[in-house]
């Protein structure tokens, strides 16, 4: 999880500063995760990393398909999940979703968009229920009026949470 956290932190900081997650980071992190897993754990560990990357990247890819997030977020989650492995990817996905929800609430309040966000959420749900899984013609990250949440930051927060909660550090923090 340390490699996953390092990758996620770097990606989160870059995303928060520039609204982009560079390919050099995601591809390098993925390659290092696969090499580390192969060297230290052989085929079983490599397989866990591949399944983790497919799960983490695959779930976010669905949001990318409907223009709900950028490709950098997908690749960052795939790289982080390659480090975390299949079971760790599940935990990182869940923790990142909670972190992303918290960040979304903060952004919504900070930018004074509570009412319009709720209205847009209803419009998105109605659109996808009646039109299926395809991009909304107006409500997407391509809309210049949209507030863009740096989801790399949510991935970093979620990954750090998983690292702390699954390591001996949590005993020091929580007094166990």
N, C-alpha and C. Protein backbone atom coordinates (compact mmCIF):
# COMPACT_ATOMS: atom_id res chain seq x y z
N UNK A 1 0.82 -1.21 0.00
CA UNK A 1 0.00 0.00 0.00
C UNK A 1 0.86 1.26 0.00
N UNK A 2 2.12 1.15 0.39
CA UNK A 2 2.97 2.33 0.41
C UNK A 2 3.20 2.88 -1.00
N UNK A 3 3.45 1.99 -1.96
CA UNK A 3 3.59 2.42 -3.36
C UNK A 3 2.32 3.03 -3.88
N UNK A 4 1.18 2.46 -3.50
CA UNK A 4 -0.13 3.01 -3.91
C UNK A 4 -0.31 4.40 -3.33
N UNK A 5 0.04 4.58 -2.07
CA UNK A 5 -0.14 5.89 -1.43
C UNK A 5 0.78 6.93 -2.05
N UNK A 6 2.03 6.56 -2.32
CA UNK A 6 2.97 7.49 -2.93
C UNK A 6 2.46 7.94 -4.31
N UNK A 7 2.03 7.00 -5.11
CA UNK A 7 1.48 7.30 -6.44
C UNK A 7 0.25 8.20 -6.31
N UNK A 8 -0.64 7.86 -5.41
CA UNK A 8 -1.88 8.62 -5.24
C UNK A 8 -1.61 10.04 -4.74
N UNK A 9 -0.69 10.18 -3.81
CA UNK A 9 -0.37 11.51 -3.28
C UNK A 9 0.20 12.41 -4.38
N UNK A 10 1.14 11.88 -5.14
CA UNK A 10 1.73 12.67 -6.23
C UNK A 10 0.64 13.04 -7.23
N UNK A 11 -0.19 12.07 -7.61
CA UNK A 11 -1.27 12.33 -8.55
C UNK A 11 -2.29 13.32 -8.01
N UNK A 12 -2.62 13.21 -6.74
CA UNK A 12 -3.58 14.11 -6.12
C UNK A 12 -3.08 15.54 -6.08
N UNK A 13 -1.82 15.72 -5.73
CA UNK A 13 -1.24 17.06 -5.67
C UNK A 13 -1.19 17.68 -7.06
N UNK A 14 -0.72 16.92 -8.04
CA UNK A 14 -0.65 17.44 -9.41
C UNK A 14 -2.05 17.77 -9.92
N UNK A 15 -3.02 16.91 -9.66
CA UNK A 15 -4.39 17.14 -10.12
C UNK A 15 -4.98 18.39 -9.46
N UNK A 16 -4.75 18.56 -8.17
CA UNK A 16 -5.27 19.74 -7.47
C UNK A 16 -4.65 21.03 -8.01
N UNK A 17 -3.39 20.97 -8.40
CA UNK A 17 -2.70 22.17 -8.90
C UNK A 17 -2.99 22.48 -10.36
N UNK A 18 -3.11 21.43 -11.20
CA UNK A 18 -3.17 21.67 -12.65
C UNK A 18 -4.40 21.10 -13.34
N UNK A 19 -5.25 20.40 -12.60
CA UNK A 19 -6.43 19.73 -13.17
C UNK A 19 -6.05 18.70 -14.23
N UNK A 20 -4.87 18.12 -14.09
CA UNK A 20 -4.40 17.08 -14.99
C UNK A 20 -3.61 16.06 -14.20
N UNK A 21 -3.61 14.83 -14.68
CA UNK A 21 -2.78 13.78 -14.10
C UNK A 21 -1.92 13.26 -15.24
N UNK A 22 -0.60 13.45 -15.16
CA UNK A 22 0.25 13.14 -16.31
C UNK A 22 0.42 11.63 -16.55
N UNK A 23 0.55 11.30 -17.83
CA UNK A 23 0.77 9.90 -18.21
C UNK A 23 2.08 9.36 -17.66
N UNK A 24 3.12 10.21 -17.57
CA UNK A 24 4.40 9.71 -17.06
C UNK A 24 4.22 9.15 -15.66
N UNK A 25 3.34 9.75 -14.86
CA UNK A 25 3.12 9.26 -13.50
C UNK A 25 2.35 7.94 -13.51
N UNK A 26 1.24 7.91 -14.23
CA UNK A 26 0.38 6.72 -14.18
C UNK A 26 1.05 5.51 -14.82
N UNK A 27 1.70 5.72 -15.97
CA UNK A 27 2.34 4.59 -16.65
C UNK A 27 3.55 4.09 -15.87
N UNK A 28 4.34 5.01 -15.33
CA UNK A 28 5.50 4.61 -14.53
C UNK A 28 5.07 3.88 -13.27
N UNK A 29 4.05 4.41 -12.59
CA UNK A 29 3.57 3.78 -11.35
C UNK A 29 3.01 2.38 -11.64
N UNK A 30 2.28 2.25 -12.74
CA UNK A 30 1.74 0.94 -13.10
C UNK A 30 2.88 -0.04 -13.38
N UNK A 31 3.85 0.39 -14.17
CA UNK A 31 4.99 -0.48 -14.49
C UNK A 31 5.77 -0.89 -13.26
N UNK A 32 6.02 0.07 -12.37
CA UNK A 32 6.74 -0.25 -11.13
C UNK A 32 5.94 -1.21 -10.25
N UNK A 33 4.63 -1.01 -10.20
CA UNK A 33 3.79 -1.91 -9.41
C UNK A 33 3.87 -3.34 -9.94
N UNK A 34 3.78 -3.48 -11.25
CA UNK A 34 3.83 -4.82 -11.85
C UNK A 34 5.21 -5.46 -11.65
N UNK A 35 6.28 -4.66 -11.84
CA UNK A 35 7.63 -5.19 -11.66
C UNK A 35 7.87 -5.59 -10.20
N UNK A 36 7.46 -4.73 -9.27
CA UNK A 36 7.63 -5.03 -7.85
C UNK A 36 6.86 -6.29 -7.46
N UNK A 37 5.65 -6.39 -7.93
CA UNK A 37 4.83 -7.57 -7.62
C UNK A 37 5.46 -8.83 -8.21
N UNK A 38 5.95 -8.76 -9.43
CA UNK A 38 6.56 -9.93 -10.08
C UNK A 38 7.83 -10.37 -9.35
N UNK A 39 8.66 -9.39 -8.96
CA UNK A 39 9.93 -9.71 -8.30
C UNK A 39 9.70 -10.27 -6.90
N UNK A 40 8.83 -9.64 -6.12
CA UNK A 40 8.66 -10.02 -4.72
C UNK A 40 7.64 -11.12 -4.49
N UNK A 41 6.67 -11.25 -5.38
CA UNK A 41 5.62 -12.24 -5.13
C UNK A 41 5.36 -13.21 -6.26
N UNK A 42 6.07 -13.05 -7.37
CA UNK A 42 5.89 -13.97 -8.48
C UNK A 42 4.54 -13.79 -9.16
N UNK A 43 4.15 -14.85 -9.87
CA UNK A 43 2.92 -14.83 -10.65
C UNK A 43 1.67 -14.53 -9.81
N UNK A 44 1.50 -15.12 -8.61
CA UNK A 44 0.29 -14.82 -7.82
C UNK A 44 0.16 -13.33 -7.49
N UNK A 45 1.26 -12.69 -7.11
CA UNK A 45 1.22 -11.27 -6.78
C UNK A 45 0.98 -10.42 -8.03
N UNK A 46 1.61 -10.81 -9.14
CA UNK A 46 1.41 -10.11 -10.41
C UNK A 46 -0.05 -10.18 -10.83
N UNK A 47 -0.63 -11.36 -10.67
CA UNK A 47 -2.04 -11.56 -11.03
C UNK A 47 -2.95 -10.69 -10.15
N UNK A 48 -2.65 -10.58 -8.86
CA UNK A 48 -3.43 -9.72 -7.97
C UNK A 48 -3.35 -8.26 -8.41
N UNK A 49 -2.17 -7.83 -8.82
CA UNK A 49 -2.00 -6.46 -9.30
C UNK A 49 -2.77 -6.20 -10.58
N UNK A 50 -2.73 -7.15 -11.50
CA UNK A 50 -3.47 -6.99 -12.76
C UNK A 50 -4.98 -6.95 -12.51
N UNK A 51 -5.47 -7.84 -11.66
CA UNK A 51 -6.91 -7.83 -11.34
C UNK A 51 -7.30 -6.54 -10.61
N UNK A 52 -6.41 -6.07 -9.73
CA UNK A 52 -6.67 -4.82 -9.03
C UNK A 52 -6.77 -3.65 -10.01
N UNK A 53 -5.82 -3.58 -10.95
CA UNK A 53 -5.83 -2.51 -11.95
C UNK A 53 -7.07 -2.57 -12.82
N UNK A 54 -7.46 -3.78 -13.21
CA UNK A 54 -8.68 -3.92 -14.01
C UNK A 54 -9.92 -3.49 -13.24
N UNK A 55 -9.98 -3.85 -11.98
CA UNK A 55 -11.14 -3.46 -11.17
C UNK A 55 -11.16 -1.95 -10.94
N UNK A 56 -10.08 -1.41 -10.41
CA UNK A 56 -10.03 0.02 -10.10
C UNK A 56 -10.21 0.89 -11.33
N UNK A 57 -9.43 0.58 -12.36
CA UNK A 57 -9.54 1.35 -13.60
C UNK A 57 -10.87 1.12 -14.29
N UNK A 58 -11.37 -0.12 -14.22
CA UNK A 58 -12.63 -0.46 -14.89
C UNK A 58 -13.83 0.27 -14.32
N UNK A 59 -13.90 0.36 -13.01
CA UNK A 59 -15.02 1.06 -12.37
C UNK A 59 -15.02 2.54 -12.77
N UNK A 60 -13.85 3.18 -12.69
CA UNK A 60 -13.80 4.60 -13.06
C UNK A 60 -13.96 4.81 -14.56
N UNK A 61 -13.59 3.80 -15.36
CA UNK A 61 -13.77 3.89 -16.82
C UNK A 61 -15.25 4.07 -17.18
N UNK A 62 -16.14 3.46 -16.40
CA UNK A 62 -17.57 3.63 -16.65
C UNK A 62 -17.98 5.10 -16.53
N UNK A 63 -17.42 5.80 -15.55
CA UNK A 63 -17.71 7.23 -15.38
C UNK A 63 -17.07 8.05 -16.50
N UNK A 64 -15.90 7.62 -16.97
CA UNK A 64 -15.25 8.28 -18.09
C UNK A 64 -16.11 8.16 -19.35
N UNK A 65 -16.73 7.01 -19.55
CA UNK A 65 -17.55 6.79 -20.75
C UNK A 65 -18.73 7.76 -20.83
N UNK A 66 -19.26 8.16 -19.69
CA UNK A 66 -20.38 9.11 -19.69
C UNK A 66 -19.89 10.53 -19.41
N UNK A 67 -18.61 10.75 -19.59
CA UNK A 67 -17.96 12.05 -19.44
C UNK A 67 -18.13 12.63 -18.03
N UNK A 68 -18.08 11.73 -17.04
CA UNK A 68 -18.19 12.16 -15.65
C UNK A 68 -16.85 12.38 -15.00
N UNK A 69 -15.78 11.93 -15.65
CA UNK A 69 -14.43 12.16 -15.13
C UNK A 69 -13.44 12.00 -16.26
N UNK A 70 -12.22 12.46 -16.01
CA UNK A 70 -11.20 12.42 -17.04
C UNK A 70 -10.44 11.11 -17.07
N UNK A 71 -9.72 10.92 -18.17
CA UNK A 71 -8.94 9.69 -18.36
C UNK A 71 -7.80 9.60 -17.35
N UNK A 72 -7.26 10.75 -16.92
CA UNK A 72 -6.19 10.73 -15.93
C UNK A 72 -6.63 10.11 -14.62
N UNK A 73 -7.87 10.38 -14.22
CA UNK A 73 -8.42 9.78 -12.99
C UNK A 73 -8.50 8.27 -13.13
N UNK A 74 -8.92 7.81 -14.29
CA UNK A 74 -9.04 6.37 -14.55
C UNK A 74 -7.67 5.71 -14.47
N UNK A 75 -6.69 6.31 -15.14
CA UNK A 75 -5.34 5.74 -15.15
C UNK A 75 -4.69 5.79 -13.78
N UNK A 76 -4.94 6.87 -13.02
CA UNK A 76 -4.40 6.95 -11.67
C UNK A 76 -4.98 5.84 -10.79
N UNK A 77 -6.29 5.65 -10.86
CA UNK A 77 -6.91 4.59 -10.06
C UNK A 77 -6.39 3.21 -10.48
N UNK A 78 -6.18 3.01 -11.77
CA UNK A 78 -5.64 1.72 -12.23
C UNK A 78 -4.24 1.50 -11.67
N UNK A 79 -3.40 2.54 -11.70
CA UNK A 79 -2.03 2.41 -11.19
C UNK A 79 -2.03 2.17 -9.67
N UNK A 80 -2.83 2.94 -8.95
CA UNK A 80 -2.93 2.77 -7.49
C UNK A 80 -3.45 1.37 -7.17
N UNK A 81 -4.43 0.91 -7.92
CA UNK A 81 -5.02 -0.41 -7.69
C UNK A 81 -4.05 -1.54 -8.04
N UNK A 82 -3.15 -1.29 -9.00
CA UNK A 82 -2.12 -2.29 -9.32
C UNK A 82 -1.20 -2.49 -8.12
N UNK A 83 -0.88 -1.41 -7.44
CA UNK A 83 -0.09 -1.52 -6.21
C UNK A 83 -0.88 -2.20 -5.11
N UNK A 84 -2.16 -1.84 -4.99
CA UNK A 84 -2.98 -2.32 -3.88
C UNK A 84 -3.42 -3.78 -4.04
N UNK A 85 -3.51 -4.27 -5.27
CA UNK A 85 -4.02 -5.61 -5.51
C UNK A 85 -5.54 -5.60 -5.54
N UNK A 86 -6.11 -6.74 -5.87
CA UNK A 86 -7.56 -6.82 -6.05
C UNK A 86 -8.33 -6.41 -4.80
N UNK A 87 -8.02 -7.01 -3.67
CA UNK A 87 -8.77 -6.71 -2.44
C UNK A 87 -8.50 -5.28 -1.96
N UNK A 88 -7.28 -4.84 -2.09
CA UNK A 88 -6.96 -3.46 -1.74
C UNK A 88 -7.66 -2.47 -2.64
N UNK A 89 -7.82 -2.84 -3.92
CA UNK A 89 -8.52 -1.96 -4.88
C UNK A 89 -9.96 -1.73 -4.46
N UNK A 90 -10.60 -2.78 -3.95
CA UNK A 90 -11.98 -2.63 -3.47
C UNK A 90 -12.02 -1.59 -2.35
N UNK A 91 -11.09 -1.71 -1.41
CA UNK A 91 -11.05 -0.77 -0.29
C UNK A 91 -10.74 0.65 -0.75
N UNK A 92 -9.79 0.79 -1.68
CA UNK A 92 -9.43 2.12 -2.18
C UNK A 92 -10.60 2.73 -2.95
N UNK A 93 -11.28 1.94 -3.75
CA UNK A 93 -12.46 2.45 -4.49
C UNK A 93 -13.51 2.99 -3.53
N UNK A 94 -13.82 2.23 -2.50
CA UNK A 94 -14.85 2.64 -1.54
C UNK A 94 -14.41 3.89 -0.77
N UNK A 95 -13.17 3.87 -0.27
CA UNK A 95 -12.67 5.02 0.50
C UNK A 95 -12.59 6.27 -0.38
N UNK A 96 -12.17 6.10 -1.64
CA UNK A 96 -12.08 7.23 -2.56
C UNK A 96 -13.46 7.77 -2.91
N UNK A 97 -14.44 6.89 -3.01
CA UNK A 97 -15.81 7.35 -3.29
C UNK A 97 -16.33 8.21 -2.13
N UNK A 98 -16.06 7.78 -0.90
CA UNK A 98 -16.47 8.59 0.26
C UNK A 98 -15.71 9.92 0.28
N UNK A 99 -14.41 9.87 0.00
CA UNK A 99 -13.62 11.11 -0.03
C UNK A 99 -14.12 12.03 -1.14
N UNK A 100 -14.42 11.46 -2.30
CA UNK A 100 -14.94 12.26 -3.41
C UNK A 100 -16.28 12.87 -3.08
N UNK A 101 -17.13 12.13 -2.38
CA UNK A 101 -18.42 12.67 -1.96
C UNK A 101 -18.25 13.82 -0.99
N UNK A 102 -17.32 13.67 -0.05
CA UNK A 102 -17.05 14.75 0.89
C UNK A 102 -16.50 15.98 0.19
N UNK A 103 -15.57 15.78 -0.73
CA UNK A 103 -15.03 16.91 -1.50
C UNK A 103 -16.12 17.56 -2.33
N UNK A 104 -17.00 16.76 -2.91
CA UNK A 104 -18.09 17.31 -3.73
C UNK A 104 -19.00 18.20 -2.87
N UNK A 105 -19.29 17.75 -1.67
CA UNK A 105 -20.11 18.57 -0.77
C UNK A 105 -19.42 19.89 -0.43
N UNK A 106 -18.13 19.81 -0.15
CA UNK A 106 -17.37 21.03 0.16
C UNK A 106 -17.35 21.99 -1.04
N UNK A 107 -17.11 21.46 -2.22
CA UNK A 107 -17.10 22.29 -3.44
C UNK A 107 -18.48 22.90 -3.67
N UNK A 108 -19.51 22.10 -3.50
CA UNK A 108 -20.88 22.57 -3.73
C UNK A 108 -21.21 23.74 -2.81
N UNK A 109 -20.83 23.64 -1.55
CA UNK A 109 -21.10 24.71 -0.59
C UNK A 109 -20.19 25.91 -0.85
N UNK A 110 -18.90 25.66 -1.07
CA UNK A 110 -17.94 26.74 -1.28
C UNK A 110 -18.30 27.59 -2.50
N UNK A 111 -18.69 26.93 -3.59
CA UNK A 111 -19.03 27.65 -4.82
C UNK A 111 -20.50 28.07 -4.88
N UNK A 112 -21.23 27.85 -3.79
CA UNK A 112 -22.64 28.23 -3.68
C UNK A 112 -23.48 27.66 -4.82
N UNK A 113 -23.33 26.36 -5.02
CA UNK A 113 -24.05 25.67 -6.09
C UNK A 113 -24.91 24.53 -5.56
N UNK A 114 -25.40 24.65 -4.34
CA UNK A 114 -26.16 23.56 -3.73
C UNK A 114 -27.43 23.27 -4.54
N UNK A 115 -28.23 24.28 -4.79
CA UNK A 115 -29.51 24.08 -5.48
C UNK A 115 -29.28 23.58 -6.91
N UNK A 116 -28.36 24.22 -7.64
CA UNK A 116 -28.13 23.80 -9.03
C UNK A 116 -27.53 22.40 -9.10
N UNK A 117 -26.71 22.03 -8.12
CA UNK A 117 -26.14 20.68 -8.10
C UNK A 117 -27.22 19.64 -7.88
N UNK A 118 -28.12 19.90 -6.95
CA UNK A 118 -29.22 18.96 -6.70
C UNK A 118 -30.12 18.85 -7.94
N UNK A 119 -30.40 19.98 -8.57
CA UNK A 119 -31.19 19.99 -9.79
C UNK A 119 -30.48 19.19 -10.90
N UNK A 120 -29.19 19.41 -11.05
CA UNK A 120 -28.43 18.69 -12.07
C UNK A 120 -28.36 17.19 -11.78
N UNK A 121 -28.25 16.83 -10.52
CA UNK A 121 -28.23 15.41 -10.15
C UNK A 121 -29.54 14.75 -10.56
N UNK A 122 -30.65 15.43 -10.30
CA UNK A 122 -31.95 14.91 -10.72
C UNK A 122 -32.04 14.78 -12.23
N UNK A 123 -31.55 15.78 -12.95
CA UNK A 123 -31.56 15.73 -14.41
C UNK A 123 -30.70 14.60 -14.94
N UNK A 124 -29.54 14.37 -14.31
CA UNK A 124 -28.68 13.26 -14.73
C UNK A 124 -29.34 11.90 -14.49
N UNK A 125 -29.94 11.74 -13.31
CA UNK A 125 -30.62 10.48 -13.02
C UNK A 125 -31.75 10.22 -14.00
N UNK A 126 -32.56 11.24 -14.25
CA UNK A 126 -33.67 11.09 -15.20
C UNK A 126 -33.14 10.76 -16.60
N UNK A 127 -32.09 11.45 -17.02
CA UNK A 127 -31.52 11.22 -18.35
C UNK A 127 -31.03 9.79 -18.49
N UNK A 128 -30.25 9.31 -17.50
CA UNK A 128 -29.69 7.96 -17.60
C UNK A 128 -30.75 6.87 -17.45
N UNK A 129 -31.80 7.14 -16.70
CA UNK A 129 -32.88 6.15 -16.59
C UNK A 129 -33.68 6.05 -17.88
N UNK A 130 -33.80 7.15 -18.61
CA UNK A 130 -34.59 7.13 -19.84
C UNK A 130 -33.75 6.91 -21.10
N UNK A 131 -32.47 7.29 -21.05
CA UNK A 131 -31.63 7.21 -22.25
C UNK A 131 -30.51 6.19 -22.15
N UNK A 132 -30.37 5.55 -21.02
CA UNK A 132 -29.31 4.57 -20.86
C UNK A 132 -27.99 5.22 -20.46
N UNK A 133 -26.96 4.40 -20.55
CA UNK A 133 -25.63 4.86 -20.15
C UNK A 133 -24.95 5.48 -21.37
N UNK A 134 -25.09 6.76 -21.46
CA UNK A 134 -24.40 7.53 -22.50
C UNK A 134 -24.22 8.94 -21.97
N UNK A 135 -23.31 9.70 -22.57
CA UNK A 135 -23.04 11.05 -22.06
C UNK A 135 -24.26 11.97 -22.18
N UNK A 136 -24.46 12.76 -21.13
CA UNK A 136 -25.51 13.78 -21.15
C UNK A 136 -25.05 14.89 -22.10
N UNK A 137 -25.94 15.44 -22.92
CA UNK A 137 -25.52 16.46 -23.89
C UNK A 137 -25.00 17.75 -23.26
N UNK A 138 -25.38 18.06 -22.03
CA UNK A 138 -24.96 19.32 -21.41
C UNK A 138 -24.18 19.12 -20.12
N UNK A 139 -24.57 18.16 -19.31
CA UNK A 139 -23.97 17.98 -17.99
C UNK A 139 -22.81 16.98 -18.07
N UNK A 140 -21.62 17.50 -18.32
CA UNK A 140 -20.43 16.67 -18.39
C UNK A 140 -19.22 17.54 -18.06
N UNK A 141 -18.06 16.90 -17.98
CA UNK A 141 -16.86 17.67 -17.65
C UNK A 141 -16.42 18.57 -18.81
N UNK A 142 -16.98 18.36 -20.00
CA UNK A 142 -16.67 19.24 -21.13
C UNK A 142 -17.40 20.59 -21.03
N UNK A 143 -18.43 20.67 -20.21
CA UNK A 143 -19.18 21.91 -20.03
C UNK A 143 -18.28 22.93 -19.33
N UNK A 144 -18.06 24.06 -19.96
CA UNK A 144 -17.15 25.06 -19.40
C UNK A 144 -17.67 25.68 -18.10
N UNK A 145 -18.98 25.61 -17.87
CA UNK A 145 -19.55 26.17 -16.64
C UNK A 145 -19.45 25.19 -15.46
N UNK A 146 -19.07 23.95 -15.73
CA UNK A 146 -19.01 22.94 -14.67
C UNK A 146 -17.83 23.20 -13.74
N UNK A 147 -18.04 22.92 -12.48
CA UNK A 147 -16.96 22.98 -11.50
C UNK A 147 -16.28 21.61 -11.54
N UNK A 148 -15.00 21.62 -11.75
CA UNK A 148 -14.26 20.36 -11.86
C UNK A 148 -13.62 20.01 -10.53
N UNK A 149 -13.99 18.87 -10.01
CA UNK A 149 -13.42 18.37 -8.76
C UNK A 149 -12.18 17.55 -9.11
N UNK A 150 -11.04 17.83 -8.50
CA UNK A 150 -9.84 17.04 -8.78
C UNK A 150 -9.96 15.66 -8.11
N UNK A 151 -10.50 14.68 -8.85
CA UNK A 151 -10.76 13.38 -8.25
C UNK A 151 -9.47 12.67 -7.85
N UNK A 152 -8.35 13.08 -8.44
CA UNK A 152 -7.07 12.55 -8.00
C UNK A 152 -6.84 12.81 -6.52
N UNK A 153 -7.34 13.94 -6.05
CA UNK A 153 -7.26 14.27 -4.62
C UNK A 153 -8.09 13.30 -3.79
N UNK A 154 -9.27 12.95 -4.28
CA UNK A 154 -10.12 11.96 -3.58
C UNK A 154 -9.44 10.59 -3.56
N UNK A 155 -8.79 10.22 -4.66
CA UNK A 155 -8.06 8.95 -4.72
C UNK A 155 -6.93 8.96 -3.69
N UNK A 156 -6.23 10.10 -3.58
CA UNK A 156 -5.14 10.21 -2.61
C UNK A 156 -5.67 10.08 -1.18
N UNK A 157 -6.74 10.79 -0.87
CA UNK A 157 -7.31 10.73 0.49
C UNK A 157 -7.78 9.32 0.80
N UNK A 158 -8.47 8.69 -0.13
CA UNK A 158 -8.95 7.33 0.07
C UNK A 158 -7.82 6.33 0.25
N UNK A 159 -6.77 6.48 -0.54
CA UNK A 159 -5.63 5.56 -0.45
C UNK A 159 -4.88 5.74 0.87
N UNK A 160 -4.71 6.98 1.30
CA UNK A 160 -4.05 7.23 2.59
C UNK A 160 -4.88 6.63 3.72
N UNK A 161 -6.20 6.78 3.63
CA UNK A 161 -7.07 6.18 4.65
C UNK A 161 -6.88 4.67 4.71
N UNK A 162 -6.86 4.02 3.55
CA UNK A 162 -6.69 2.56 3.51
C UNK A 162 -5.32 2.18 4.05
N UNK A 163 -4.29 2.92 3.68
CA UNK A 163 -2.94 2.64 4.18
C UNK A 163 -2.90 2.72 5.70
N UNK A 164 -3.45 3.78 6.25
CA UNK A 164 -3.42 3.96 7.71
C UNK A 164 -4.29 2.92 8.41
N UNK A 165 -5.46 2.65 7.86
CA UNK A 165 -6.39 1.74 8.54
C UNK A 165 -5.95 0.28 8.47
N UNK A 166 -5.07 -0.06 7.52
CA UNK A 166 -4.65 -1.46 7.39
C UNK A 166 -3.22 -1.69 7.87
N UNK A 167 -2.60 -0.67 8.45
CA UNK A 167 -1.22 -0.84 8.89
C UNK A 167 -1.13 -0.70 10.41
N UNK A 168 0.06 -0.88 10.93
CA UNK A 168 0.28 -0.73 12.37
C UNK A 168 0.20 0.72 12.81
N UNK A 169 0.26 1.63 11.85
CA UNK A 169 0.16 3.05 12.16
C UNK A 169 -1.19 3.36 12.81
N UNK A 170 -2.24 2.63 12.40
CA UNK A 170 -3.56 2.91 12.95
C UNK A 170 -3.61 2.67 14.47
N UNK A 171 -2.82 1.71 14.95
CA UNK A 171 -2.77 1.47 16.39
C UNK A 171 -2.19 2.65 17.14
N UNK A 172 -1.19 3.29 16.55
CA UNK A 172 -0.60 4.47 17.17
C UNK A 172 -1.60 5.63 17.15
N UNK A 173 -2.28 5.82 16.03
CA UNK A 173 -3.21 6.91 15.89
C UNK A 173 -4.43 6.72 16.80
N UNK A 174 -4.97 5.51 16.80
CA UNK A 174 -6.21 5.24 17.56
C UNK A 174 -5.94 4.74 18.99
N UNK A 175 -4.68 4.63 19.37
CA UNK A 175 -4.33 4.23 20.73
C UNK A 175 -4.52 2.76 21.02
N UNK A 176 -4.34 1.90 20.02
CA UNK A 176 -4.45 0.44 20.24
C UNK A 176 -3.10 -0.17 20.52
